[in-house]
Amino acid sequence: GGASDGFNPHGSLIDFGGMLYGTTYLGGTGFCFDGAFPDLWTPP
């Protein structure tokens, strides 16, 4: 996670031009979460 890595990959890897490509649902620097966190879990 953080600005230099992803977190929680989704989907499948694909092979394109000899390299593997994919996506992560979290990670990076944008702001997407606008809900409440459970009381028993403190997010990083």
PDB file of all heavy atoms in Angstrom:
ATOM      1  N   GLY A   1       0.802  -1.216   0.000  1.00  0.00           N
ATOM      2  CA  GLY A   1       0.000   0.000   0.000  1.00  0.00           C
ATOM      3  C   GLY A   1       0.832   1.261   0.000  1.00  0.00           C
ATOM      4  O   GLY A   1       2.062   1.247  -0.131  1.00  0.00           O
ATOM      5  N   GLY A   2       0.164   2.397   0.131  1.00  0.00           N
ATOM      6  CA  GLY A   2       0.853   3.675   0.129  1.00  0.00           C
ATOM      7  C   GLY A   2       1.017   4.230  -1.273  1.00  0.00           C
ATOM      8  O   GLY A   2       0.534   3.677  -2.257  1.00  0.00           O
ATOM      9  N   ALA A   3       1.740   5.322  -1.357  1.00  0.00           N
ATOM     10  CA  ALA A   3       1.888   6.017  -2.630  1.00  0.00           C
ATOM     11  C   ALA A   3       2.754   5.268  -3.630  1.00  0.00           C
ATOM     12  O   ALA A   3       2.721   5.575  -4.826  1.00  0.00           O
ATOM     13  CB  ALA A   3       2.478   7.406  -2.389  1.00  0.00           C
ATOM     14  N   SER A   4       3.530   4.285  -3.169  1.00  0.00           N
ATOM     15  CA  SER A   4       4.445   3.597  -4.071  1.00  0.00           C
ATOM     16  C   SER A   4       4.060   2.152  -4.328  1.00  0.00           C
ATOM     17  O   SER A   4       4.819   1.397  -4.930  1.00  0.00           O
ATOM     18  CB  SER A   4       5.871   3.641  -3.504  1.00  0.00           C
ATOM     19  OG  SER A   4       5.924   3.006  -2.236  1.00  0.00           O
ATOM     20  N   ASP A   5       2.863   1.744  -3.887  1.00  0.00           N
ATOM     21  CA  ASP A   5       2.459   0.361  -4.094  1.00  0.00           C
ATOM     22  C   ASP A   5       0.944   0.250  -4.064  1.00  0.00           C
ATOM     23  O   ASP A   5       0.240   1.114  -3.535  1.00  0.00           O
ATOM     24  CB  ASP A   5       3.057  -0.553  -3.016  1.00  0.00           C
ATOM     25  CG  ASP A   5       3.141  -2.006  -3.456  1.00  0.00           C
ATOM     26  OD1 ASP A   5       2.694  -2.322  -4.576  1.00  0.00           O
ATOM     27  OD2 ASP A   5       3.643  -2.838  -2.677  1.00  0.00           O
ATOM     28  N   GLY A   6       0.450  -0.838  -4.618  1.00  0.00           N
ATOM     29  CA  GLY A   6      -0.967  -1.138  -4.545  1.00  0.00           C
ATOM     30  C   GLY A   6      -1.286  -1.939  -3.292  1.00  0.00           C
ATOM     31  O   GLY A   6      -0.414  -2.242  -2.470  1.00  0.00           O
ATOM     32  N   PHE A   7      -2.572  -2.313  -3.155  1.00  0.00           N
ATOM     33  CA  PHE A   7      -3.035  -3.078  -2.008  1.00  0.00           C
ATOM     34  C   PHE A   7      -4.344  -3.744  -2.406  1.00  0.00           C
ATOM     35  O   PHE A   7      -5.194  -3.117  -3.019  1.00  0.00           O
ATOM     36  CB  PHE A   7      -3.276  -2.141  -0.814  1.00  0.00           C
ATOM     37  CG  PHE A   7      -3.283  -2.818   0.533  1.00  0.00           C
ATOM     38  CD1 PHE A   7      -2.109  -2.993   1.243  1.00  0.00           C
ATOM     39  CD2 PHE A   7      -4.473  -3.247   1.102  1.00  0.00           C
ATOM     40  CE1 PHE A   7      -2.113  -3.583   2.491  1.00  0.00           C
ATOM     41  CE2 PHE A   7      -4.490  -3.843   2.347  1.00  0.00           C
ATOM     42  CZ  PHE A   7      -3.301  -4.013   3.057  1.00  0.00           C
ATOM     43  N   ASN A   8      -4.491  -5.040  -2.078  1.00  0.00           N
ATOM     44  CA  ASN A   8      -5.727  -5.769  -2.369  1.00  0.00           C
ATOM     45  C   ASN A   8      -5.954  -5.911  -3.880  1.00  0.00           C
ATOM     46  O   ASN A   8      -6.853  -5.297  -4.446  1.00  0.00           O
ATOM     47  CB  ASN A   8      -6.903  -5.074  -1.692  1.00  0.00           C
ATOM     48  CG  ASN A   8      -8.197  -5.869  -1.743  1.00  0.00           C
ATOM     49  OD1 ASN A   8      -9.265  -5.298  -1.889  1.00  0.00           O
ATOM     50  ND2 ASN A   8      -8.128  -7.173  -1.617  1.00  0.00           N
ATOM     51  N   PRO A   9      -5.149  -6.731  -4.561  1.00  0.00           N
ATOM     52  CA  PRO A   9      -5.323  -6.910  -6.011  1.00  0.00           C
ATOM     53  C   PRO A   9      -6.649  -7.581  -6.342  1.00  0.00           C
ATOM     54  O   PRO A   9      -7.130  -8.435  -5.603  1.00  0.00           O
ATOM     55  CB  PRO A   9      -4.132  -7.794  -6.397  1.00  0.00           C
ATOM     56  CG  PRO A   9      -3.771  -8.517  -5.144  1.00  0.00           C
ATOM     57  CD  PRO A   9      -4.054  -7.551  -4.029  1.00  0.00           C
ATOM     58  N   HIS A  10      -7.239  -7.187  -7.457  1.00  0.00           N
ATOM     59  CA  HIS A  10      -8.493  -7.753  -7.941  1.00  0.00           C
ATOM     60  C   HIS A  10      -8.312  -8.209  -9.384  1.00  0.00           C
ATOM     61  O   HIS A  10      -7.448  -7.727 -10.106  1.00  0.00           O
ATOM     62  CB  HIS A  10      -9.621  -6.723  -7.866  1.00  0.00           C
ATOM     63  CG  HIS A  10     -10.272  -6.643  -6.528  1.00  0.00           C
ATOM     64  ND1 HIS A  10      -9.570  -6.562  -5.360  1.00  0.00           N
ATOM     65  CD2 HIS A  10     -11.593  -6.641  -6.173  1.00  0.00           C
ATOM     66  CE1 HIS A  10     -10.405  -6.500  -4.337  1.00  0.00           C
ATOM     67  NE2 HIS A  10     -11.641  -6.545  -4.802  1.00  0.00           N
ATOM     68  N   GLY A  11      -9.171  -9.130  -9.783  1.00  0.00           N
ATOM     69  CA  GLY A  11      -9.108  -9.623 -11.144  1.00  0.00           C
ATOM     70  C   GLY A  11      -7.953 -10.583 -11.347  1.00  0.00           C
ATOM     71  O   GLY A  11      -7.342 -11.082 -10.401  1.00  0.00           O
ATOM     72  N   SER A  12      -7.647 -10.843 -12.609  1.00  0.00           N
ATOM     73  CA  SER A  12      -6.585 -11.771 -12.982  1.00  0.00           C
ATOM     74  C   SER A  12      -5.415 -11.016 -13.595  1.00  0.00           C
ATOM     75  O   SER A  12      -5.573  -9.922 -14.131  1.00  0.00           O
ATOM     76  CB  SER A  12      -7.105 -12.782 -14.007  1.00  0.00           C
ATOM     77  OG  SER A  12      -8.251 -13.446 -13.549  1.00  0.00           O
ATOM     78  N   LEU A  13      -4.249 -11.617 -13.525  1.00  0.00           N
ATOM     79  CA  LEU A  13      -3.103 -11.107 -14.258  1.00  0.00           C
ATOM     80  C   LEU A  13      -3.283 -11.404 -15.743  1.00  0.00           C
ATOM     81  O   LEU A  13      -3.884 -12.410 -16.124  1.00  0.00           O
ATOM     82  CB  LEU A  13      -1.816 -11.770 -13.772  1.00  0.00           C
ATOM     83  CG  LEU A  13      -1.361 -11.468 -12.347  1.00  0.00           C
ATOM     84  CD1 LEU A  13      -0.259 -12.438 -11.942  1.00  0.00           C
ATOM     85  CD2 LEU A  13      -0.891 -10.029 -12.215  1.00  0.00           C
ATOM     86  N   ILE A  14      -2.767 -10.534 -16.599  1.00  0.00           N
ATOM     87  CA  ILE A  14      -2.733 -10.815 -18.027  1.00  0.00           C
ATOM     88  C   ILE A  14      -1.301 -10.697 -18.511  1.00  0.00           C
ATOM     89  O   ILE A  14      -0.505  -9.934 -17.959  1.00  0.00           O
ATOM     90  CB  ILE A  14      -3.652  -9.877 -18.838  1.00  0.00           C
ATOM     91  CG1 ILE A  14      -3.160  -8.426 -18.778  1.00  0.00           C
ATOM     92  CG2 ILE A  14      -5.089  -9.970 -18.350  1.00  0.00           C
ATOM     93  CD1 ILE A  14      -3.862  -7.526 -19.799  1.00  0.00           C
ATOM     94  N   ASP A  15      -0.958 -11.464 -19.521  1.00  0.00           N
ATOM     95  CA  ASP A  15       0.375 -11.446 -20.130  1.00  0.00           C
ATOM     96  C   ASP A  15       0.277 -10.604 -21.396  1.00  0.00           C
ATOM     97  O   ASP A  15      -0.495 -10.911 -22.308  1.00  0.00           O
ATOM     98  CB  ASP A  15       0.808 -12.877 -20.443  1.00  0.00           C
ATOM     99  CG  ASP A  15       2.225 -12.935 -21.014  1.00  0.00           C
ATOM    100  OD1 ASP A  15       2.778 -11.881 -21.367  1.00  0.00           O
ATOM    101  OD2 ASP A  15       2.768 -14.044 -21.115  1.00  0.00           O
ATOM    102  N   PHE A  16       1.058  -9.546 -21.456  1.00  0.00           N
ATOM    103  CA  PHE A  16       1.031  -8.653 -22.607  1.00  0.00           C
ATOM    104  C   PHE A  16       2.451  -8.224 -22.916  1.00  0.00           C
ATOM    105  O   PHE A  16       3.103  -7.578 -22.093  1.00  0.00           O
ATOM    106  CB  PHE A  16       0.137  -7.441 -22.311  1.00  0.00           C
ATOM    107  CG  PHE A  16      -0.079  -6.535 -23.497  1.00  0.00           C
ATOM    108  CD1 PHE A  16      -0.519  -7.039 -24.707  1.00  0.00           C
ATOM    109  CD2 PHE A  16       0.146  -5.170 -23.394  1.00  0.00           C
ATOM    110  CE1 PHE A  16      -0.736  -6.205 -25.789  1.00  0.00           C
ATOM    111  CE2 PHE A  16      -0.061  -4.321 -24.475  1.00  0.00           C
ATOM    112  CZ  PHE A  16      -0.501  -4.849 -25.668  1.00  0.00           C
ATOM    113  N   GLY A  17       2.951  -8.618 -24.070  1.00  0.00           N
ATOM    114  CA  GLY A  17       4.299  -8.252 -24.470  1.00  0.00           C
ATOM    115  C   GLY A  17       5.374  -8.820 -23.576  1.00  0.00           C
ATOM    116  O   GLY A  17       6.437  -8.211 -23.406  1.00  0.00           O
ATOM    117  N   GLY A  18       5.128  -9.974 -22.957  1.00  0.00           N
ATOM    118  CA  GLY A  18       6.129 -10.614 -22.104  1.00  0.00           C
ATOM    119  C   GLY A  18       6.142 -10.123 -20.675  1.00  0.00           C
ATOM    120  O   GLY A  18       6.974 -10.564 -19.878  1.00  0.00           O
ATOM    121  N   MET A  19       5.238  -9.204 -20.315  1.00  0.00           N
ATOM    122  CA  MET A  19       5.123  -8.734 -18.943  1.00  0.00           C
ATOM    123  C   MET A  19       3.720  -9.023 -18.410  1.00  0.00           C
ATOM    124  O   MET A  19       2.784  -9.232 -19.185  1.00  0.00           O
ATOM    125  CB  MET A  19       5.430  -7.235 -18.830  1.00  0.00           C
ATOM    126  CG  MET A  19       6.837  -6.855 -19.243  1.00  0.00           C
ATOM    127  SD  MET A  19       7.294  -5.178 -18.713  1.00  0.00           S
ATOM    128  CE  MET A  19       7.551  -5.420 -16.955  1.00  0.00           C
ATOM    129  N   LEU A  20       3.588  -9.038 -17.089  1.00  0.00           N
ATOM    130  CA  LEU A  20       2.312  -9.285 -16.445  1.00  0.00           C
ATOM    131  C   LEU A  20       1.717  -7.959 -15.990  1.00  0.00           C
ATOM    132  O   LEU A  20       2.406  -7.115 -15.419  1.00  0.00           O
ATOM    133  CB  LEU A  20       2.484 -10.219 -15.245  1.00  0.00           C
ATOM    134  CG  LEU A  20       3.207 -11.537 -15.506  1.00  0.00           C
ATOM    135  CD1 LEU A  20       3.310 -12.342 -14.215  1.00  0.00           C
ATOM    136  CD2 LEU A  20       2.491 -12.346 -16.582  1.00  0.00           C
ATOM    137  N   TYR A  21       0.408  -7.798 -16.221  1.00  0.00           N
ATOM    138  CA  TYR A  21      -0.296  -6.573 -15.859  1.00  0.00           C
ATOM    139  C   TYR A  21      -1.502  -6.908 -14.989  1.00  0.00           C
ATOM    140  O   TYR A  21      -2.121  -7.964 -15.134  1.00  0.00           O
ATOM    141  CB  TYR A  21      -0.770  -5.830 -17.114  1.00  0.00           C
ATOM    142  CG  TYR A  21       0.346  -5.250 -17.949  1.00  0.00           C
ATOM    143  CD1 TYR A  21       1.065  -6.052 -18.831  1.00  0.00           C
ATOM    144  CD2 TYR A  21       0.681  -3.909 -17.849  1.00  0.00           C
ATOM    145  CE1 TYR A  21       2.091  -5.527 -19.603  1.00  0.00           C
ATOM    146  CE2 TYR A  21       1.709  -3.365 -18.619  1.00  0.00           C
ATOM    147  CZ  TYR A  21       2.408  -4.185 -19.487  1.00  0.00           C
ATOM    148  OH  TYR A  21       3.433  -3.650 -20.253  1.00  0.00           O
ATOM    149  N   GLY A  22      -1.857  -5.982 -14.084  1.00  0.00           N
ATOM    150  CA  GLY A  22      -3.012  -6.188 -13.228  1.00  0.00           C
ATOM    151  C   GLY A  22      -3.430  -4.904 -12.548  1.00  0.00           C
ATOM    152  O   GLY A  22      -2.855  -3.824 -12.776  1.00  0.00           O
ATOM    153  N   THR A  23      -4.447  -5.004 -11.683  1.00  0.00           N
ATOM    154  CA  THR A  23      -4.956  -3.852 -10.953  1.00  0.00           C
ATOM    155  C   THR A  23      -5.093  -4.181  -9.474  1.00  0.00           C
ATOM    156  O   THR A  23      -5.229  -5.354  -9.097  1.00  0.00           O
ATOM    157  CB  THR A  23      -6.339  -3.407 -11.476  1.00  0.00           C
ATOM    158  OG1 THR A  23      -7.300  -4.461 -11.251  1.00  0.00           O
ATOM    159  CG2 THR A  23      -6.278  -3.090 -12.957  1.00  0.00           C
ATOM    160  N   THR A  24      -5.045  -3.167  -8.643  1.00  0.00           N
ATOM    161  CA  THR A  24      -5.343  -3.322  -7.223  1.00  0.00           C
ATOM    162  C   THR A  24      -6.527  -2.421  -6.872  1.00  0.00           C
ATOM    163  O   THR A  24      -6.665  -1.318  -7.411  1.00  0.00           O
ATOM    164  CB  THR A  24      -4.146  -2.958  -6.327  1.00  0.00           C
ATOM    165  OG1 THR A  24      -3.840  -1.556  -6.478  1.00  0.00           O
ATOM    166  CG2 THR A  24      -2.932  -3.798  -6.688  1.00  0.00           C
ATOM    167  N   TYR A  25      -7.355  -2.882  -5.975  1.00  0.00           N
ATOM    168  CA  TYR A  25      -8.545  -2.144  -5.574  1.00  0.00           C
ATOM    169  C   TYR A  25      -8.201  -0.953  -4.688  1.00  0.00           C
ATOM    170  O   TYR A  25      -8.883   0.072  -4.703  1.00  0.00           O
ATOM    171  CB  TYR A  25      -9.482  -3.092  -4.830  1.00  0.00           C
ATOM    172  CG  TYR A  25     -10.857  -2.539  -4.560  1.00  0.00           C
ATOM    173  CD1 TYR A  25     -11.788  -2.439  -5.591  1.00  0.00           C
ATOM    174  CD2 TYR A  25     -11.236  -2.149  -3.282  1.00  0.00           C
ATOM    175  CE1 TYR A  25     -13.065  -1.943  -5.359  1.00  0.00           C
ATOM    176  CE2 TYR A  25     -12.511  -1.652  -3.038  1.00  0.00           C
ATOM    177  CZ  TYR A  25     -13.418  -1.556  -4.072  1.00  0.00           C
ATOM    178  OH  TYR A  25     -14.676  -1.068  -3.830  1.00  0.00           O
ATOM    179  N   LEU A  26      -7.129  -1.092  -3.915  1.00  0.00           N
ATOM    180  CA  LEU A  26      -6.657  -0.042  -3.017  1.00  0.00           C
ATOM    181  C   LEU A  26      -5.205   0.288  -3.336  1.00  0.00           C
ATOM    182  O   LEU A  26      -4.606  -0.298  -4.219  1.00  0.00           O
ATOM    183  CB  LEU A  26      -6.790  -0.485  -1.558  1.00  0.00           C
ATOM    184  CG  LEU A  26      -8.196  -0.851  -1.067  1.00  0.00           C
ATOM    185  CD1 LEU A  26      -8.125  -1.483   0.311  1.00  0.00           C
ATOM    186  CD2 LEU A  26      -9.097   0.367  -1.060  1.00  0.00           C
ATOM    187  N   GLY A  27      -4.624   1.201  -2.567  1.00  0.00           N
ATOM    188  CA  GLY A  27      -3.262   1.646  -2.802  1.00  0.00           C
ATOM    189  C   GLY A  27      -3.248   2.925  -3.625  1.00  0.00           C
ATOM    190  O   GLY A  27      -4.263   3.341  -4.190  1.00  0.00           O
ATOM    191  N   GLY A  28      -2.109   3.562  -3.687  1.00  0.00           N
ATOM    192  CA  GLY A  28      -2.002   4.811  -4.414  1.00  0.00           C
ATOM    193  C   GLY A  28      -2.241   6.008  -3.507  1.00  0.00           C
ATOM    194  O   GLY A  28      -2.038   5.946  -2.301  1.00  0.00           O
ATOM    195  N   THR A  29      -2.703   7.104  -4.090  1.00  0.00           N
ATOM    196  CA  THR A  29      -2.783   8.360  -3.342  1.00  0.00           C
ATOM    197  C   THR A  29      -4.142   9.037  -3.385  1.00  0.00           C
ATOM    198  O   THR A  29      -4.344  10.044  -2.733  1.00  0.00           O
ATOM    199  CB  THR A  29      -1.748   9.352  -3.876  1.00  0.00           C
ATOM    200  OG1 THR A  29      -1.968   9.552  -5.285  1.00  0.00           O
ATOM    201  CG2 THR A  29      -0.330   8.843  -3.666  1.00  0.00           C
ATOM    202  N   GLY A  30      -5.094   8.541  -4.168  1.00  0.00           N
ATOM    203  CA  GLY A  30      -6.394   9.198  -4.270  1.00  0.00           C
ATOM    204  C   GLY A  30      -7.244   8.962  -3.030  1.00  0.00           C
ATOM    205  O   GLY A  30      -6.861   8.235  -2.107  1.00  0.00           O
ATOM    206  N   PHE A  31      -8.421   9.587  -2.989  1.00  0.00           N
ATOM    207  CA  PHE A  31      -9.334   9.430  -1.855  1.00  0.00           C
ATOM    208  C   PHE A  31     -10.633   8.820  -2.362  1.00  0.00           C
ATOM    209  O   PHE A  31     -11.340   9.426  -3.152  1.00  0.00           O
ATOM    210  CB  PHE A  31      -9.616  10.769  -1.186  1.00  0.00           C
ATOM    211  CG  PHE A  31     -10.499  10.639   0.028  1.00  0.00           C
ATOM    212  CD1 PHE A  31      -9.942  10.376   1.274  1.00  0.00           C
ATOM    213  CD2 PHE A  31     -11.877  10.755  -0.076  1.00  0.00           C
ATOM    214  CE1 PHE A  31     -10.757  10.239   2.390  1.00  0.00           C
ATOM    215  CE2 PHE A  31     -12.698  10.634   1.035  1.00  0.00           C
ATOM    216  CZ  PHE A  31     -12.134  10.370   2.272  1.00  0.00           C
ATOM    217  N   CYS A  32     -10.933   7.600  -1.909  1.00  0.00           N
ATOM    218  CA  CYS A  32     -12.133   6.924  -2.385  1.00  0.00           C
ATOM    219  C   CYS A  32     -13.047   6.440  -1.275  1.00  0.00           C
ATOM    220  O   CYS A  32     -14.216   6.180  -1.520  1.00  0.00           O
ATOM    221  CB  CYS A  32     -11.759   5.712  -3.244  1.00  0.00           C
ATOM    222  SG  CYS A  32     -11.375   6.139  -4.958  1.00  0.00           S
ATOM    223  N   PHE A  33     -12.552   6.288  -0.069  1.00  0.00           N
ATOM    224  CA  PHE A  33     -13.362   5.706   0.993  1.00  0.00           C
ATOM    225  C   PHE A  33     -14.074   6.800   1.770  1.00  0.00           C
ATOM    226  O   PHE A  33     -13.446   7.725   2.287  1.00  0.00           O
ATOM    227  CB  PHE A  33     -12.493   4.879   1.950  1.00  0.00           C
ATOM    228  CG  PHE A  33     -13.303   4.075   2.936  1.00  0.00           C
ATOM    229  CD1 PHE A  33     -13.818   2.839   2.579  1.00  0.00           C
ATOM    230  CD2 PHE A  33     -13.561   4.562   4.196  1.00  0.00           C
ATOM    231  CE1 PHE A  33     -14.567   2.100   3.472  1.00  0.00           C
ATOM    232  CE2 PHE A  33     -14.309   3.832   5.097  1.00  0.00           C
ATOM    233  CZ  PHE A  33     -14.814   2.592   4.739  1.00  0.00           C
ATOM    234  N   ASP A  34     -15.409   6.695   1.866  1.00  0.00           N
ATOM    235  CA  ASP A  34     -16.172   7.716   2.576  1.00  0.00           C
ATOM    236  C   ASP A  34     -17.142   7.118   3.591  1.00  0.00           C
ATOM    237  O   ASP A  34     -18.110   7.747   3.999  1.00  0.00           O
ATOM    238  CB  ASP A  34     -16.949   8.601   1.598  1.00  0.00           C
ATOM    239  CG  ASP A  34     -17.817   7.776   0.650  1.00  0.00           C
ATOM    240  OD1 ASP A  34     -17.910   6.548   0.843  1.00  0.00           O
ATOM    241  OD2 ASP A  34     -18.402   8.364  -0.269  1.00  0.00           O
ATOM    242  N   GLY A  35     -16.881   5.881   4.023  1.00  0.00           N
ATOM    243  CA  GLY A  35     -17.745   5.219   4.996  1.00  0.00           C
ATOM    244  C   GLY A  35     -17.116   5.189   6.376  1.00  0.00           C
ATOM    245  O   GLY A  35     -16.068   5.778   6.625  1.00  0.00           O
ATOM    246  N   ALA A  36     -17.793   4.515   7.293  1.00  0.00           N
ATOM    247  CA  ALA A  36     -17.302   4.396   8.667  1.00  0.00           C
ATOM    248  C   ALA A  36     -16.582   3.069   8.846  1.00  0.00           C
ATOM    249  O   ALA A  36     -16.960   2.055   8.273  1.00  0.00           O
ATOM    250  CB  ALA A  36     -18.469   4.496   9.648  1.00  0.00           C
ATOM    251  N   PHE A  37     -15.529   3.065   9.654  1.00  0.00           N
ATOM    252  CA  PHE A  37     -14.787   1.847   9.933  1.00  0.00           C
ATOM    253  C   PHE A  37     -15.381   1.132  11.136  1.00  0.00           C
ATOM    254  O   PHE A  37     -15.885   1.768  12.068  1.00  0.00           O
ATOM    255  CB  PHE A  37     -13.318   2.165  10.228  1.00  0.00           C
ATOM    256  CG  PHE A  37     -12.588   2.762   9.065  1.00  0.00           C
ATOM    257  CD1 PHE A  37     -12.216   4.097   9.073  1.00  0.00           C
ATOM    258  CD2 PHE A  37     -12.276   1.995   7.959  1.00  0.00           C
ATOM    259  CE1 PHE A  37     -11.552   4.654   7.995  1.00  0.00           C
ATOM    260  CE2 PHE A  37     -11.615   2.530   6.881  1.00  0.00           C
ATOM    261  CZ  PHE A  37     -11.247   3.860   6.901  1.00  0.00           C
ATOM    262  N   PRO A  38     -15.327  -0.209  11.147  1.00  0.00           N
ATOM    263  CA  PRO A  38     -15.778  -0.944  12.326  1.00  0.00           C
ATOM    264  C   PRO A  38     -14.984  -0.539  13.563  1.00  0.00           C
ATOM    265  O   PRO A  38     -13.807  -0.190  13.475  1.00  0.00           O
ATOM    266  CB  PRO A  38     -15.499  -2.410  11.947  1.00  0.00           C
ATOM    267  CG  PRO A  38     -15.412  -2.409  10.460  1.00  0.00           C
ATOM    268  CD  PRO A  38     -14.843  -1.076  10.077  1.00  0.00           C
ATOM    269  N   ASP A  39     -15.643  -0.568  14.718  1.00  0.00           N
ATOM    270  CA  ASP A  39     -14.989  -0.132  15.955  1.00  0.00           C
ATOM    271  C   ASP A  39     -13.764  -0.972  16.295  1.00  0.00           C
ATOM    272  O   ASP A  39     -12.831  -0.485  16.926  1.00  0.00           O
ATOM    273  CB  ASP A  39     -15.988  -0.193  17.123  1.00  0.00           C
ATOM    274  CG  ASP A  39     -17.099   0.849  16.976  1.00  0.00           C
ATOM    275  OD1 ASP A  39     -16.877   1.836  16.248  1.00  0.00           O
ATOM    276  OD2 ASP A  39     -18.169   0.660  17.574  1.00  0.00           O
ATOM    277  N   LEU A  40     -13.778  -2.245  15.904  1.00  0.00           N
ATOM    278  CA  LEU A  40     -12.695  -3.147  16.285  1.00  0.00           C
ATOM    279  C   LEU A  40     -11.554  -3.153  15.295  1.00  0.00           C
ATOM    280  O   LEU A  40     -10.604  -3.908  15.446  1.00  0.00           O
ATOM    281  CB  LEU A  40     -13.243  -4.582  16.442  1.00  0.00           C
ATOM    282  CG  LEU A  40     -14.303  -4.760  17.537  1.00  0.00           C
ATOM    283  CD1 LEU A  40     -14.770  -6.223  17.574  1.00  0.00           C
ATOM    284  CD2 LEU A  40     -13.762  -4.347  18.895  1.00  0.00           C
ATOM    285  N   TRP A  41     -11.607  -2.306  14.266  1.00  0.00           N
ATOM    286  CA  TRP A  41     -10.543  -2.307  13.260  1.00  0.00           C
ATOM    287  C   TRP A  41     -10.066  -0.886  13.012  1.00  0.00           C
ATOM    288  O   TRP A  41     -10.851   0.008  12.720  1.00  0.00           O
ATOM    289  CB  TRP A  41     -11.039  -2.914  11.956  1.00  0.00           C
ATOM    290  CG  TRP A  41      -9.950  -3.015  10.917  1.00  0.00           C
ATOM    291  CD1 TRP A  41      -8.841  -3.794  10.949  1.00  0.00           C
ATOM    292  CD2 TRP A  41      -9.885  -2.294   9.680  1.00  0.00           C
ATOM    293  NE1 TRP A  41      -8.082  -3.616   9.827  1.00  0.00           N
ATOM    294  CE2 TRP A  41      -8.704  -2.705   9.028  1.00  0.00           C
ATOM    295  CE3 TRP A  41     -10.714  -1.344   9.083  1.00  0.00           C
ATOM    296  CZ2 TRP A  41      -8.333  -2.201   7.797  1.00  0.00           C
ATOM    297  CZ3 TRP A  41     -10.336  -0.844   7.848  1.00  0.00           C
ATOM    298  CH2 TRP A  41      -9.157  -1.279   7.212  1.00  0.00           C
ATOM    299  N   THR A  42      -8.781  -0.683  13.161  1.00  0.00           N
ATOM    300  CA  THR A  42      -8.182   0.623  12.869  1.00  0.00           C
ATOM    301  C   THR A  42      -7.394   0.502  11.575  1.00  0.00           C
ATOM    302  O   THR A  42      -6.419  -0.256  11.512  1.00  0.00           O
ATOM    303  CB  THR A  42      -7.239   1.067  14.002  1.00  0.00           C
ATOM    304  OG1 THR A  42      -7.988   1.159  15.212  1.00  0.00           O
ATOM    305  CG2 THR A  42      -6.617   2.411  13.670  1.00  0.00           C
ATOM    306  N   PRO A  43      -7.806   1.194  10.523  1.00  0.00           N
ATOM    307  CA  PRO A  43      -7.113   1.040   9.242  1.00  0.00           C
ATOM    308  C   PRO A  43      -5.713   1.635   9.293  1.00  0.00           C
ATOM    309  O   PRO A  43      -5.450   2.553  10.078  1.00  0.00           O
ATOM    310  CB  PRO A  43      -8.009   1.824   8.279  1.00  0.00           C
ATOM    311  CG  PRO A  43      -8.661   2.847   9.139  1.00  0.00           C
ATOM    312  CD  PRO A  43      -8.883   2.177  10.466  1.00  0.00           C
ATOM    313  N   PRO A  44      -4.803   1.128   8.467  1.00  0.00           N
ATOM    314  CA  PRO A  44      -3.479   1.753   8.382  1.00  0.00           C
ATOM    315  C   PRO A  44      -3.618   3.174   7.866  1.00  0.00           C
ATOM    316  O   PRO A  44      -4.628   3.525   7.240  1.00  0.00           O
ATOM    317  CB  PRO A  44      -2.734   0.854   7.380  1.00  0.00           C
ATOM    318  CG  PRO A  44      -3.798   0.141   6.624  1.00  0.00           C
ATOM    319  CD  PRO A  44      -4.952  -0.016   7.550  1.00  0.00           C
TER     320      PRO A  44
END
